[in-house]
Amino acid sequence: MRKPTMKIVHKSRLRIARAFGLVRGVRLIRVRDDRRRMRWAVALRVFGGWCLVGRDPMTSPWIIQRDPWLNPRPLLFPNIPAARRLLADLGL
């Protein structure tokens, strides 16, 4: 059985989607991180379905390990107030 996956939307694209009114709903969901701790992530209902908010891609010639930093990853928060601060910053 396949696990359901969500697309990741970068914060810069999310601001554009919010400006055009494409964000339909917001949820805080629990996600397991690399160290097997439970973290919180922000899931948004946009025009095409549910998406996770992710970091903007970091591109720099001085990054030694380029591949892991270019992979899309969701923003993970240690607690709910930290996630709500991001939502307040984005105006959601």
Protein backbone atom coordinates (compact mmCIF):
# COMPACT_ATOMS: atom_id res chain seq x y z
CA MET A 1 0.00 0.00 0.00
CA ARG A 2 1.39 3.41 -0.97
CA LYS A 3 1.69 6.22 1.52
CA PRO A 4 -0.06 9.40 0.45
CA THR A 5 2.35 12.15 -0.53
CA MET A 6 1.83 15.88 -0.75
CA LYS A 7 3.45 18.37 -3.06
CA ILE A 8 5.65 21.04 -1.54
CA VAL A 9 5.02 24.71 -2.27
CA HIS A 10 7.82 27.20 -1.64
CA LYS A 11 7.08 30.26 0.47
CA SER A 12 7.66 32.64 -2.45
CA ARG A 13 5.08 30.82 -4.61
CA LEU A 14 2.72 30.65 -1.67
CA ARG A 15 2.70 34.43 -1.38
CA ILE A 16 1.70 34.67 -5.04
CA ALA A 17 -1.05 32.06 -4.57
CA ARG A 18 -2.38 33.95 -1.55
CA ALA A 19 -2.38 37.22 -3.50
CA PHE A 20 -4.55 35.63 -6.22
CA GLY A 21 -6.89 33.96 -3.71
CA LEU A 22 -5.92 30.38 -4.53
CA VAL A 23 -5.44 29.30 -0.89
CA ARG A 24 -8.69 27.63 0.24
CA GLY A 25 -7.77 26.22 3.66
CA VAL A 26 -4.99 25.76 6.23
CA ARG A 27 -4.18 22.83 8.54
CA LEU A 28 -1.42 22.02 10.98
CA ILE A 29 -0.35 18.38 10.66
CA ARG A 30 2.09 16.22 12.61
CA VAL A 31 5.09 14.91 10.68
CA ARG A 32 7.92 12.64 11.78
CA ASP A 33 11.35 14.18 11.15
CA ASP A 34 14.73 12.51 10.48
CA ARG A 35 15.43 11.99 14.17
CA ARG A 36 12.08 10.25 14.74
CA ARG A 37 10.62 13.19 16.64
CA MET A 38 7.18 14.53 15.90
CA ARG A 39 7.13 18.00 14.36
CA TRP A 40 4.41 20.25 12.99
CA ALA A 41 4.04 21.23 9.34
CA VAL A 42 1.63 23.60 7.60
CA ALA A 43 -0.64 22.05 4.97
CA LEU A 44 -2.56 24.31 2.60
CA ARG A 45 -5.51 23.54 0.41
CA VAL A 46 -4.79 25.25 -2.87
CA PHE A 47 -6.44 24.98 -6.26
CA GLY A 48 -4.91 21.57 -7.08
CA GLY A 49 -5.21 19.86 -3.67
CA TRP A 50 -3.29 19.78 -0.39
CA CYS A 51 0.33 21.00 -0.31
CA LEU A 52 2.99 21.42 2.37
CA VAL A 53 4.81 24.71 2.87
CA GLY A 54 8.50 24.27 2.09
CA ARG A 55 11.70 26.24 2.13
CA ASP A 56 12.77 28.29 -0.85
CA PRO A 57 15.56 26.47 -2.72
CA MET A 58 19.01 27.47 -1.55
CA THR A 59 21.41 27.87 -4.44
CA SER A 60 24.93 29.04 -3.86
CA PRO A 61 28.32 28.06 -5.29
CA TRP A 62 29.71 27.88 -1.74
CA ILE A 63 27.45 25.05 -0.56
CA ILE A 64 29.57 21.93 -0.28
CA GLN A 65 26.72 19.40 -0.19
CA ARG A 66 24.52 20.65 -2.98
CA ASP A 67 22.17 17.72 -3.55
CA PRO A 68 20.52 17.50 -0.10
CA TRP A 69 19.89 21.25 -0.04
CA LEU A 70 18.24 21.25 -3.45
CA ASN A 71 15.77 18.50 -2.56
CA PRO A 72 12.35 19.89 -1.65
CA ARG A 73 11.69 19.67 2.09
CA PRO A 74 8.77 20.90 4.15
CA LEU A 75 9.19 23.49 6.86
CA LEU A 76 8.98 21.66 10.19
CA PHE A 77 8.20 23.40 13.46
CA PRO A 78 8.82 22.15 17.01
CA ASN A 79 5.48 23.43 18.34
CA ILE A 80 2.17 24.94 17.26
CA PRO A 81 2.92 28.60 18.17
CA ALA A 82 5.98 28.58 15.91
CA ALA A 83 3.86 27.32 13.01
CA ARG A 84 1.20 29.95 13.70
CA ARG A 85 3.85 32.67 13.55
CA LEU A 86 4.61 31.60 9.96
CA LEU A 87 0.91 31.76 9.13
CA ALA A 88 0.69 35.25 10.62
CA ASP A 89 3.77 36.28 8.63
CA LEU A 90 2.17 35.03 5.41
CA GLY A 91 -1.15 36.68 6.23
CA LEU A 92 -3.20 33.48 6.48
